[in-house]
Protein backbone atom coordinates (compact mmCIF):
# COMPACT_ATOMS: atom_id res chain seq x y z
CA PHE A 1 11.62 -6.16 15.86
CA TYR A 2 14.07 -9.04 15.28
CA ASP A 3 13.63 -10.69 11.83
CA ALA A 4 15.77 -13.66 10.70
CA SER A 5 14.39 -15.55 7.60
CA SER A 6 16.03 -18.77 8.63
CA ARG A 7 14.52 -18.88 12.10
CA GLY A 8 11.27 -16.96 11.94
CA TYR A 9 10.69 -13.61 13.42
CA SER A 10 9.81 -11.75 16.67
CA VAL A 11 8.01 -8.40 17.23
CA LEU A 12 8.42 -6.59 20.66
CA LEU A 13 5.31 -4.43 21.37
CA GLU A 14 5.60 -2.03 24.51
CA LYS A 15 2.81 0.17 25.88
CA TYR A 16 3.70 3.43 27.86
CA SER A 17 1.46 5.68 30.03
CA PRO A 18 1.35 9.54 29.25
CA GLU A 19 4.07 9.86 31.80
CA PHE A 20 6.16 7.41 29.84
CA LYS A 21 5.73 4.55 32.48
CA LEU A 22 6.21 1.11 30.80
CA LEU A 23 2.86 -0.51 31.13
CA TYR A 24 3.47 -3.85 29.36
CA GLY A 25 5.98 -5.32 26.89
CA LYS A 26 5.09 -8.42 24.98
CA ALA A 27 6.71 -10.39 22.26
CA PHE A 28 5.00 -11.85 19.45
CA THR A 29 6.94 -14.77 17.87
CA SER A 30 6.81 -17.41 15.15
CA ASP A 31 8.93 -20.26 13.80
CA VAL A 32 7.63 -19.71 10.08
CA LYS A 33 10.60 -19.27 7.99
CA ASN A 34 10.88 -16.29 5.52
CA LEU A 35 8.28 -14.30 7.66
CA SER A 36 8.77 -10.40 7.87
CA SER A 37 6.94 -7.82 9.85
CA MET A 38 5.79 -4.89 7.28
CA GLY A 39 5.14 -2.47 10.42
CA MET A 40 2.16 -1.76 12.90
CA GLU A 41 -0.71 0.71 12.67
CA TYR A 42 -3.57 1.73 15.14
CA LEU A 43 -7.07 0.77 13.73
CA LYS A 44 -9.97 1.79 15.87
CA GLY A 45 -9.33 0.51 19.36
CA GLN A 46 -6.73 -1.99 18.44
CA PHE A 47 -3.32 -2.37 16.67
CA ALA A 48 -2.76 -4.06 13.27
CA LEU A 49 0.57 -6.01 12.75
CA MET A 50 1.06 -6.64 9.13
CA LEU A 51 2.90 -9.62 8.12
CA TYR A 52 4.47 -10.87 4.96
CA GLU A 53 5.48 -14.43 4.21
CA ARG A 54 7.57 -15.75 1.07
CA ASN A 55 7.18 -19.41 0.73
CA ASN A 56 10.03 -20.58 -1.71
CA ARG A 57 8.68 -24.33 -1.53
CA ASP A 58 5.14 -23.69 -2.56
CA ASP A 59 5.95 -20.46 -4.55
CA TYR A 60 3.56 -18.19 -3.05
CA LEU A 61 3.62 -14.91 -1.12
CA LYS A 62 1.14 -14.09 1.67
CA PHE A 63 0.17 -10.95 3.19
CA SER A 64 -1.82 -11.08 6.46
CA ALA A 65 -2.73 -8.99 9.50
CA ILE A 66 -2.87 -9.82 13.12
CA PRO A 67 -5.33 -7.90 15.43
CA ILE A 68 -3.69 -6.93 18.63
CA SER A 69 -5.95 -5.43 21.57
CA LEU A 70 -4.72 -2.47 23.56
CA GLU A 71 -4.20 -4.90 26.26
CA GLY A 72 -1.53 -6.82 24.16
CA LYS A 73 -3.77 -10.03 23.32
CA ALA A 74 -3.16 -11.12 19.66
CA LYS A 75 -6.15 -12.78 17.67
CA LYS A 76 -5.93 -15.12 14.84
CA ALA A 77 -4.05 -13.64 11.80
CA VAL A 78 -6.35 -12.87 8.87
CA THR A 79 -5.02 -13.37 5.36
CA ILE A 80 -5.30 -10.44 3.01
CA ALA A 81 -3.96 -11.70 -0.01
CA LYS A 82 -2.12 -14.61 -1.68
CA MET A 83 0.25 -14.46 -4.92
CA ARG A 84 2.00 -16.39 -6.98
CA TYR A 85 5.91 -16.44 -6.51
CA GLU A 86 8.61 -17.89 -8.68
CA ARG A 87 11.32 -15.35 -8.77
CA LYS A 88 12.38 -12.07 -7.33
CA ARG A 89 10.67 -10.02 -10.02
CA ASP A 90 7.27 -11.49 -8.91
CA ILE A 91 7.58 -9.67 -5.38
CA PRO A 92 5.12 -6.80 -5.89
CA SER A 93 5.38 -3.03 -4.60
CA THR A 94 3.20 -2.90 -1.49
CA ARG A 95 1.56 -0.27 0.73
CA TRP A 96 -0.65 -0.28 3.50
CA MET A 97 -2.42 2.76 4.97
CA ILE A 98 -5.06 3.66 7.62
CA SER A 99 -8.18 6.00 6.90
CA GLN A 100 -8.38 9.43 8.68
CA ASP A 101 -10.97 7.94 11.19
CA THR A 102 -8.88 4.80 11.66
CA THR A 103 -11.88 2.46 10.62
CA LYS A 104 -10.60 1.32 7.19
CA LEU A 105 -7.41 -0.44 6.35
CA LEU A 106 -6.12 -0.44 2.78
CA PHE A 107 -3.67 -2.86 1.34
CA THR A 108 -2.24 -2.39 -2.18
CA ALA A 109 0.33 -4.56 -4.18
CA TYR A 110 1.32 -3.71 -7.70
CA SER A 111 3.77 -4.66 -10.34
CA ASP A 112 6.35 -2.13 -10.93
CA ASN A 113 9.29 -3.66 -13.02
CA ASN A 114 9.24 -0.64 -15.47
CA LYS A 115 8.18 -2.96 -18.58
CA ASP A 116 7.25 -0.97 -21.52
CA ASP A 117 5.29 -3.81 -23.09
CA ILE A 118 3.51 -4.92 -19.76
CA ARG A 119 0.42 -3.01 -18.42
CA MET A 120 0.29 -1.98 -14.78
CA ASP A 121 -1.49 -4.46 -12.79
CA MET A 122 -2.58 -3.85 -8.97
CA PHE A 123 -4.42 -5.48 -6.14
CA LEU A 124 -6.40 -3.49 -3.85
CA SER A 125 -8.16 -4.56 -0.54
CA VAL A 126 -10.00 -2.67 1.82
CA LEU A 127 -10.77 -3.95 5.30
CA ASP A 128 -12.96 -2.49 8.22
CA LYS A 129 -12.01 -2.23 11.99
CA GLU A 130 -13.02 -5.72 12.52
CA PHE A 131 -10.65 -6.96 9.66
CA ASN A 132 -13.54 -8.07 7.33
CA THR A 133 -12.91 -7.43 3.61
CA LEU A 134 -15.17 -4.66 2.42
CA TRP A 135 -13.94 -5.03 -1.19
CA ASP A 136 -10.93 -6.11 -3.11
CA LYS A 137 -10.35 -6.30 -6.88
CA GLN A 138 -7.33 -6.60 -9.20
CA PHE A 139 -7.12 -3.52 -11.58
CA LYS A 140 -5.04 -3.38 -14.85
CA LEU A 141 -4.38 0.09 -16.00
CA GLY A 142 -4.44 1.65 -19.61
CA TYR A 143 -0.63 2.28 -19.19
CA SER A 144 2.51 0.40 -19.13
CA GLU A 145 4.75 -0.13 -16.05
CA GLU A 146 7.21 2.15 -17.69
CA GLN A 147 4.63 5.01 -17.88
CA VAL A 148 3.18 4.88 -14.34
CA ASN A 149 5.07 6.13 -11.07
CA ILE A 150 2.67 5.92 -8.13
CA ARG A 151 3.65 8.55 -5.65
CA ASN A 152 1.04 8.22 -2.92
CA TRP A 153 -1.87 6.43 -1.69
CA ALA A 154 -4.96 7.42 0.50
CA VAL A 155 -8.12 5.69 1.87
CA SER A 156 -11.11 7.46 2.87
CA ASP A 157 -13.44 6.88 5.80
CA GLU A 158 -16.08 5.29 3.41
CA GLY A 159 -13.38 3.03 2.02
CA THR A 160 -12.61 4.74 -1.50
CA VAL A 161 -9.08 4.46 -2.60
CA TYR A 162 -7.08 7.27 -4.07
CA ALA A 163 -3.60 6.99 -5.74
CA LEU A 164 -1.48 10.17 -6.89
CA ALA A 165 0.42 9.05 -10.05
CA LYS A 166 2.91 10.74 -12.60
CA ILE A 167 1.82 9.28 -15.95
CA TYR A 168 4.31 9.87 -18.73
CA ASP A 169 3.03 10.68 -22.07
CA THR A 170 5.45 8.21 -23.78
CA ASN A 171 6.38 4.84 -23.21
CA LYS A 172 10.03 5.99 -21.99
CA ALA A 173 10.05 7.45 -18.64
CA ARG A 174 11.70 10.81 -19.48
CA GLU A 175 10.97 13.98 -17.57
CA THR A 176 10.90 16.51 -20.48
CA LYS A 177 10.06 16.59 -23.95
CA LYS A 178 10.40 19.36 -26.38
CA THR A 179 7.17 21.13 -27.92
CA GLU A 180 7.64 24.17 -30.40
CA GLY A 181 11.29 24.85 -29.30
CA LYS A 182 10.24 24.66 -25.51
CA ARG A 183 11.38 22.28 -23.00
CA VAL A 184 8.06 20.97 -21.20
CA ALA A 185 7.00 18.24 -18.80
CA ASN A 186 6.58 14.75 -20.27
CA TYR A 187 4.14 13.59 -17.94
CA ARG A 188 0.64 14.21 -16.21
CA MET A 189 0.02 14.38 -12.46
CA VAL A 190 -3.15 12.41 -12.12
CA VAL A 191 -5.48 11.44 -9.19
CA LEU A 192 -6.68 7.84 -9.72
CA GLN A 193 -10.03 6.87 -7.84
CA PHE A 194 -10.84 3.40 -7.02
CA LYS A 195 -14.39 2.36 -5.97
CA GLU A 196 -16.10 -0.63 -5.02
CA GLY A 197 -17.69 -2.18 -8.18
CA ASP A 198 -15.82 -0.17 -10.57
CA ASP A 199 -13.87 -2.18 -13.37
CA LYS A 200 -11.39 0.67 -13.83
CA PRO A 201 -10.19 3.67 -12.00
CA SER A 202 -11.52 7.24 -12.65
CA GLU A 203 -8.77 9.76 -13.37
CA PHE A 204 -8.49 13.44 -12.43
CA GLU A 205 -5.71 15.20 -14.14
CA LEU A 206 -4.11 18.16 -11.93
CA ASN A 207 -3.30 21.48 -13.48
CA LEU A 208 0.61 21.97 -13.13
CA ASN A 209 0.74 25.52 -14.78
CA ASP A 210 3.85 24.40 -16.65
CA ALA A 211 5.67 23.47 -13.23
CA PHE A 212 7.71 20.69 -13.04
CA VAL A 213 6.93 18.31 -10.20
CA LYS A 214 9.86 17.45 -7.70
CA SER A 215 7.94 16.03 -4.76
CA ALA A 216 4.15 15.49 -4.07
CA THR A 217 2.15 14.13 -1.35
CA LEU A 218 -1.70 12.95 -1.12
CA ARG A 219 -3.84 13.29 2.22
CA ILE A 220 -7.37 13.17 3.26
CA ASN A 221 -8.01 15.65 5.85
CA PRO A 222 -10.25 15.63 9.07
CA GLN A 223 -13.04 17.22 7.12
CA GLY A 224 -12.84 14.60 4.20
CA ASP A 225 -11.14 16.80 1.69
CA LEU A 226 -8.69 15.34 -0.59
CA THR A 227 -5.49 17.60 -0.40
């Protein structure tokens, strides 16, 4: 992969046999300025190349995906989201993930400038294996940016989205607080569930048993269970 914001970008895709014999190598190039790759994933019989464009002249950010067949043939890019951009703090945190059965693609972008007077705002988009948008929506949480720390994302085979979040009890992201002379966690670990048609996510609080969370992951296993 080669990226130079002043000259465009080039992504090299190589395919190997099970014996590690090179079957083909192809480059996908563009002269669009300020264009970057966000990586490539396998999506039900084809590849998905995710691109990110920052247009300083027209003040927008654009996120798109290019379908690439297993033979290395690229189709027209599909625009997933286009957002206002005026300054660096407008650049959102982004993630994109594939479902367990590789039929769904999740793209999420959310503001995370740790402001204690601005509610956490996030955009979610779920696409099918043909790169059609199944649903997308802008959500505004009932917590400030300072209170929410998103740890991980997952998307089910049906297109339901889950986020594992550390939500602080106060508007300051302190790890502990004192209760009855005892030092306890100043946060809750919550699974947020986002479904098509919902105006706000459902919350499921996890029982920490007075433990402090050092690390956490979220996955959907082959049986469809959230773990």
